Amino acid sequence: MNFAMVIENNVIDVVKNVDKAPDYPPDMIGRPVIALECDETVKIGMIYNNGEFIEPEPTPPKPYQPTEGELLLMKSQAAVYEEMQANRLSQMKANADIYEAILSNGGAV
């Protein structure tokens, strides 16, 4: 015989090919574990409802929503990045001006 071990309608274990129902102790918060005879199709994670074992409906994952603190951090990081890019661009322009002046002088420093 096969037995589904159930806590509050949730299959937490399946014991196969035994002569009698296993005896599980209650879980950590005292909920009893009930042994229900089942067939080979029952597996961990199924739900026992109205005398039937059913597959739970899959729930799609929720899209990630950053917290206010994370948004504030991202905005400040973006501001720092933009400032760094502006500084780099300014440096590059200064270097270009210097090289242009050198070239217009005939290459003499």
N, C-alpha and C. Protein backbone atom coordinates (compact mmCIF):
# COMPACT_ATOMS: atom_id res chain seq x y z
N MET A 1 0.84 -1.18 0.00
CA MET A 1 0.00 0.00 0.00
C MET A 1 0.89 1.25 0.00
N ASN A 2 0.31 2.34 -0.52
CA ASN A 2 0.98 3.64 -0.52
C ASN A 2 0.18 4.60 0.35
N PHE A 3 0.89 5.47 1.05
CA PHE A 3 0.22 6.44 1.92
C PHE A 3 0.76 7.84 1.66
N ALA A 4 -0.16 8.79 1.56
CA ALA A 4 0.20 10.20 1.50
C ALA A 4 0.14 10.74 2.91
N MET A 5 1.20 11.41 3.32
CA MET A 5 1.25 12.02 4.64
C MET A 5 0.81 13.46 4.47
N VAL A 6 -0.28 13.83 5.16
CA VAL A 6 -0.95 15.11 4.90
C VAL A 6 -1.02 15.96 6.17
N ILE A 7 -0.67 17.25 6.00
CA ILE A 7 -0.88 18.25 7.05
C ILE A 7 -1.75 19.34 6.44
N GLU A 8 -2.88 19.59 7.08
CA GLU A 8 -3.81 20.64 6.63
C GLU A 8 -4.03 20.60 5.12
N ASN A 9 -4.35 19.44 4.60
CA ASN A 9 -4.68 19.19 3.19
C ASN A 9 -3.49 19.26 2.24
N ASN A 10 -2.28 19.38 2.76
CA ASN A 10 -1.09 19.43 1.92
C ASN A 10 -0.29 18.14 2.08
N VAL A 11 0.03 17.51 0.94
CA VAL A 11 0.82 16.28 0.95
C VAL A 11 2.28 16.66 1.20
N ILE A 12 2.83 16.19 2.33
CA ILE A 12 4.20 16.52 2.69
C ILE A 12 5.16 15.35 2.45
N ASP A 13 4.60 14.15 2.26
CA ASP A 13 5.44 12.97 2.01
C ASP A 13 4.56 11.88 1.42
N VAL A 14 5.18 10.97 0.68
CA VAL A 14 4.48 9.80 0.16
C VAL A 14 5.32 8.58 0.54
N VAL A 15 4.70 7.65 1.27
CA VAL A 15 5.38 6.42 1.69
C VAL A 15 4.82 5.29 0.84
N LYS A 16 5.71 4.59 0.13
CA LYS A 16 5.26 3.57 -0.83
C LYS A 16 5.60 2.17 -0.35
N ASN A 17 4.75 1.25 -0.76
CA ASN A 17 4.96 -0.18 -0.56
C ASN A 17 5.17 -0.57 0.91
N VAL A 18 4.24 -0.18 1.75
CA VAL A 18 4.30 -0.56 3.17
C VAL A 18 3.03 -1.34 3.52
N ASP A 19 3.09 -2.13 4.59
CA ASP A 19 1.96 -2.94 4.99
C ASP A 19 0.93 -2.18 5.83
N LYS A 20 1.38 -1.15 6.55
CA LYS A 20 0.44 -0.39 7.38
C LYS A 20 0.79 1.09 7.31
N ALA A 21 -0.15 1.90 7.72
CA ALA A 21 0.02 3.35 7.67
C ALA A 21 1.14 3.80 8.61
N PRO A 22 2.03 4.66 8.11
CA PRO A 22 3.09 5.18 8.98
C PRO A 22 2.50 6.07 10.06
N ASP A 23 3.23 6.21 11.14
CA ASP A 23 2.78 7.05 12.25
C ASP A 23 3.77 8.20 12.39
N TYR A 24 3.41 9.37 11.86
CA TYR A 24 4.26 10.55 11.95
C TYR A 24 3.87 11.37 13.18
N PRO A 25 4.84 11.98 13.84
CA PRO A 25 4.50 12.88 14.96
C PRO A 25 3.95 14.20 14.40
N PRO A 26 3.34 15.01 15.24
CA PRO A 26 2.87 16.33 14.78
C PRO A 26 4.06 17.18 14.31
N ASP A 27 3.75 18.21 13.52
CA ASP A 27 4.83 19.09 13.08
C ASP A 27 5.27 20.00 14.22
N MET A 28 6.15 20.95 13.95
CA MET A 28 6.75 21.78 15.00
C MET A 28 5.74 22.63 15.75
N ILE A 29 4.61 22.94 15.11
CA ILE A 29 3.62 23.76 15.82
C ILE A 29 2.42 22.93 16.28
N GLY A 30 2.56 21.62 16.23
CA GLY A 30 1.55 20.74 16.80
C GLY A 30 0.46 20.27 15.87
N ARG A 31 0.57 20.58 14.57
CA ARG A 31 -0.46 20.10 13.63
C ARG A 31 -0.26 18.62 13.37
N PRO A 32 -1.33 17.83 13.42
CA PRO A 32 -1.19 16.39 13.21
C PRO A 32 -0.89 16.05 11.75
N VAL A 33 -0.13 14.97 11.57
CA VAL A 33 0.15 14.44 10.24
C VAL A 33 -0.74 13.23 10.05
N ILE A 34 -1.56 13.25 9.01
CA ILE A 34 -2.54 12.18 8.77
C ILE A 34 -2.05 11.33 7.60
N ALA A 35 -2.11 10.00 7.77
CA ALA A 35 -1.75 9.07 6.71
C ALA A 35 -3.02 8.70 5.94
N LEU A 36 -3.02 8.96 4.62
CA LEU A 36 -4.17 8.62 3.77
C LEU A 36 -3.70 7.68 2.67
N GLU A 37 -4.41 6.59 2.51
CA GLU A 37 -4.05 5.65 1.46
C GLU A 37 -4.21 6.33 0.11
N CYS A 38 -3.26 6.05 -0.78
CA CYS A 38 -3.28 6.71 -2.09
C CYS A 38 -2.74 5.77 -3.16
N ASP A 39 -2.80 6.23 -4.41
CA ASP A 39 -2.25 5.43 -5.51
C ASP A 39 -0.87 5.98 -5.91
N GLU A 40 -0.31 5.44 -6.98
CA GLU A 40 1.04 5.81 -7.43
C GLU A 40 1.13 7.23 -7.98
N THR A 41 0.01 7.84 -8.34
CA THR A 41 0.05 9.16 -8.97
C THR A 41 0.22 10.30 -7.96
N VAL A 42 0.00 10.02 -6.69
CA VAL A 42 0.09 11.07 -5.67
C VAL A 42 1.55 11.40 -5.40
N LYS A 43 1.83 12.70 -5.30
CA LYS A 43 3.21 13.12 -5.02
C LYS A 43 3.22 14.30 -4.07
N ILE A 44 4.38 14.56 -3.50
CA ILE A 44 4.55 15.67 -2.56
C ILE A 44 4.15 16.97 -3.24
N GLY A 45 3.44 17.81 -2.50
CA GLY A 45 3.01 19.10 -3.03
C GLY A 45 1.56 19.12 -3.49
N MET A 46 0.96 17.93 -3.64
CA MET A 46 -0.44 17.88 -4.04
C MET A 46 -1.32 18.31 -2.87
N ILE A 47 -2.58 18.56 -3.18
CA ILE A 47 -3.54 18.99 -2.17
C ILE A 47 -4.62 17.92 -2.05
N TYR A 48 -5.02 17.63 -0.81
CA TYR A 48 -6.10 16.68 -0.56
C TYR A 48 -7.35 17.50 -0.27
N ASN A 49 -8.35 17.37 -1.15
CA ASN A 49 -9.57 18.17 -1.02
C ASN A 49 -10.78 17.33 -1.40
N ASN A 50 -11.74 17.28 -0.51
CA ASN A 50 -12.99 16.54 -0.76
C ASN A 50 -12.73 15.11 -1.20
N GLY A 51 -11.78 14.44 -0.55
CA GLY A 51 -11.52 13.04 -0.83
C GLY A 51 -10.66 12.80 -2.06
N GLU A 52 -10.12 13.86 -2.67
CA GLU A 52 -9.31 13.72 -3.88
C GLU A 52 -7.95 14.38 -3.69
N PHE A 53 -6.95 13.81 -4.36
CA PHE A 53 -5.64 14.43 -4.42
C PHE A 53 -5.58 15.20 -5.73
N ILE A 54 -5.29 16.49 -5.64
CA ILE A 54 -5.25 17.32 -6.85
C ILE A 54 -3.95 18.11 -6.91
N GLU A 55 -3.53 18.42 -8.13
CA GLU A 55 -2.36 19.27 -8.34
C GLU A 55 -2.75 20.71 -8.01
N PRO A 56 -1.91 21.43 -7.30
CA PRO A 56 -2.23 22.83 -7.02
C PRO A 56 -2.11 23.65 -8.30
N GLU A 57 -2.89 24.72 -8.37
CA GLU A 57 -2.81 25.62 -9.52
C GLU A 57 -1.50 26.40 -9.43
N PRO A 58 -0.72 26.41 -10.50
CA PRO A 58 0.52 27.19 -10.44
C PRO A 58 0.20 28.68 -10.38
N THR A 59 0.92 29.38 -9.56
CA THR A 59 0.74 30.82 -9.47
C THR A 59 1.95 31.49 -10.11
N PRO A 60 1.70 32.39 -11.06
CA PRO A 60 2.83 33.05 -11.71
C PRO A 60 3.55 33.94 -10.71
N PRO A 61 4.86 34.06 -10.86
CA PRO A 61 5.60 34.92 -9.93
C PRO A 61 5.20 36.37 -10.14
N LYS A 62 5.19 37.11 -9.04
CA LYS A 62 4.87 38.53 -9.13
C LYS A 62 6.09 39.28 -9.64
N PRO A 63 5.85 40.31 -10.46
CA PRO A 63 7.01 41.09 -10.92
C PRO A 63 7.66 41.80 -9.74
N TYR A 64 8.96 41.96 -9.82
CA TYR A 64 9.70 42.60 -8.73
C TYR A 64 9.34 44.08 -8.65
N GLN A 65 9.02 44.53 -7.46
CA GLN A 65 8.74 45.93 -7.21
C GLN A 65 9.76 46.44 -6.19
N PRO A 66 10.66 47.36 -6.60
CA PRO A 66 11.63 47.86 -5.64
C PRO A 66 10.94 48.69 -4.55
N THR A 67 11.55 48.69 -3.38
CA THR A 67 11.02 49.48 -2.27
C THR A 67 11.38 50.95 -2.49
N GLU A 68 10.80 51.82 -1.69
CA GLU A 68 11.11 53.25 -1.78
C GLU A 68 12.59 53.49 -1.54
N GLY A 69 13.15 52.79 -0.55
CA GLY A 69 14.57 52.93 -0.26
C GLY A 69 15.45 52.50 -1.43
N GLU A 70 15.08 51.39 -2.08
CA GLU A 70 15.84 50.92 -3.24
C GLU A 70 15.74 51.91 -4.40
N LEU A 71 14.54 52.48 -4.59
CA LEU A 71 14.38 53.48 -5.66
C LEU A 71 15.25 54.71 -5.39
N LEU A 72 15.27 55.16 -4.14
CA LEU A 72 16.08 56.31 -3.77
C LEU A 72 17.56 56.02 -4.01
N LEU A 73 18.00 54.82 -3.63
CA LEU A 73 19.39 54.42 -3.85
C LEU A 73 19.71 54.38 -5.34
N MET A 74 18.81 53.82 -6.16
CA MET A 74 19.05 53.75 -7.60
C MET A 74 19.14 55.15 -8.21
N LYS A 75 18.27 56.06 -7.75
CA LYS A 75 18.31 57.44 -8.28
C LYS A 75 19.62 58.12 -7.92
N SER A 76 20.09 57.93 -6.69
CA SER A 76 21.34 58.57 -6.30
C SER A 76 22.51 57.95 -7.05
N GLN A 77 22.48 56.63 -7.28
CA GLN A 77 23.54 55.99 -8.06
C GLN A 77 23.54 56.50 -9.50
N ALA A 78 22.35 56.71 -10.06
CA ALA A 78 22.24 57.23 -11.42
C ALA A 78 22.79 58.65 -11.49
N ALA A 79 22.52 59.46 -10.47
CA ALA A 79 23.03 60.84 -10.45
C ALA A 79 24.55 60.84 -10.37
N VAL A 80 25.13 59.97 -9.53
CA VAL A 80 26.58 59.88 -9.42
C VAL A 80 27.17 59.43 -10.76
N TYR A 81 26.55 58.46 -11.39
CA TYR A 81 27.04 57.96 -12.69
C TYR A 81 27.01 59.07 -13.73
N GLU A 82 25.90 59.82 -13.79
CA GLU A 82 25.79 60.92 -14.76
C GLU A 82 26.84 61.99 -14.51
N GLU A 83 27.11 62.28 -13.24
CA GLU A 83 28.14 63.27 -12.90
C GLU A 83 29.52 62.78 -13.34
N MET A 84 29.80 61.50 -13.11
CA MET A 84 31.08 60.94 -13.53
C MET A 84 31.22 61.00 -15.05
N GLN A 85 30.15 60.70 -15.76
CA GLN A 85 30.19 60.75 -17.22
C GLN A 85 30.41 62.18 -17.70
N ALA A 86 29.76 63.15 -17.06
CA ALA A 86 29.93 64.56 -17.43
C ALA A 86 31.38 64.98 -17.19
N ASN A 87 31.97 64.54 -16.06
CA ASN A 87 33.37 64.86 -15.78
C ASN A 87 34.30 64.26 -16.81
N ARG A 88 34.06 63.01 -17.19
CA ARG A 88 34.89 62.36 -18.22
C ARG A 88 34.79 63.10 -19.55
N LEU A 89 33.57 63.47 -19.91
CA LEU A 89 33.36 64.19 -21.16
C LEU A 89 34.08 65.54 -21.12
N SER A 90 34.03 66.21 -19.99
CA SER A 90 34.71 67.49 -19.83
C SER A 90 36.22 67.31 -19.95
N GLN A 91 36.77 66.27 -19.35
CA GLN A 91 38.20 65.97 -19.44
C GLN A 91 38.60 65.69 -20.89
N MET A 92 37.77 64.91 -21.56
CA MET A 92 38.07 64.57 -22.95
C MET A 92 38.06 65.82 -23.83
N LYS A 93 37.12 66.71 -23.58
CA LYS A 93 37.04 67.96 -24.35
C LYS A 93 38.27 68.81 -24.09
N ALA A 94 38.69 68.90 -22.81
CA ALA A 94 39.89 69.67 -22.48
C ALA A 94 41.11 69.09 -23.19
N ASN A 95 41.25 67.78 -23.18
CA ASN A 95 42.37 67.13 -23.87
C ASN A 95 42.31 67.40 -25.37
N ALA A 96 41.14 67.35 -25.94
CA ALA A 96 40.99 67.61 -27.37
C ALA A 96 41.38 69.06 -27.68
N ASP A 97 41.00 69.98 -26.82
CA ASP A 97 41.36 71.40 -27.03
C ASP A 97 42.89 71.58 -26.97
N ILE A 98 43.52 70.89 -26.01
CA ILE A 98 44.97 70.98 -25.89
C ILE A 98 45.65 70.43 -27.15
N TYR A 99 45.22 69.25 -27.58
CA TYR A 99 45.83 68.64 -28.78
C TYR A 99 45.58 69.51 -30.01
N GLU A 100 44.41 70.09 -30.10
CA GLU A 100 44.09 70.97 -31.24
C GLU A 100 45.00 72.19 -31.24
N ALA A 101 45.23 72.75 -30.05
CA ALA A 101 46.13 73.92 -29.95
C ALA A 101 47.55 73.52 -30.34
N ILE A 102 48.00 72.36 -29.90
CA ILE A 102 49.34 71.89 -30.25
C ILE A 102 49.45 71.70 -31.76
N LEU A 103 48.44 71.07 -32.36
CA LEU A 103 48.47 70.83 -33.82
C LEU A 103 48.42 72.13 -34.61
N SER A 104 47.64 73.11 -34.12
CA SER A 104 47.55 74.39 -34.84
C SER A 104 48.85 75.17 -34.70
N ASN A 105 49.65 74.85 -33.72
CA ASN A 105 50.97 75.47 -33.52
C ASN A 105 52.04 74.75 -34.32
N GLY A 106 51.66 73.81 -35.12
CA GLY A 106 52.62 73.05 -35.91
C GLY A 106 53.22 71.90 -35.15
N GLY A 107 52.63 71.55 -34.05
CA GLY A 107 53.11 70.42 -33.27
C GLY A 107 54.14 70.81 -32.24
N ALA A 108 54.47 72.08 -32.16
CA ALA A 108 55.46 72.52 -31.17
C ALA A 108 54.76 72.79 -29.85
N VAL A 109 55.40 72.36 -28.77
CA VAL A 109 54.83 72.57 -27.44
C VAL A 109 55.43 73.81 -26.83
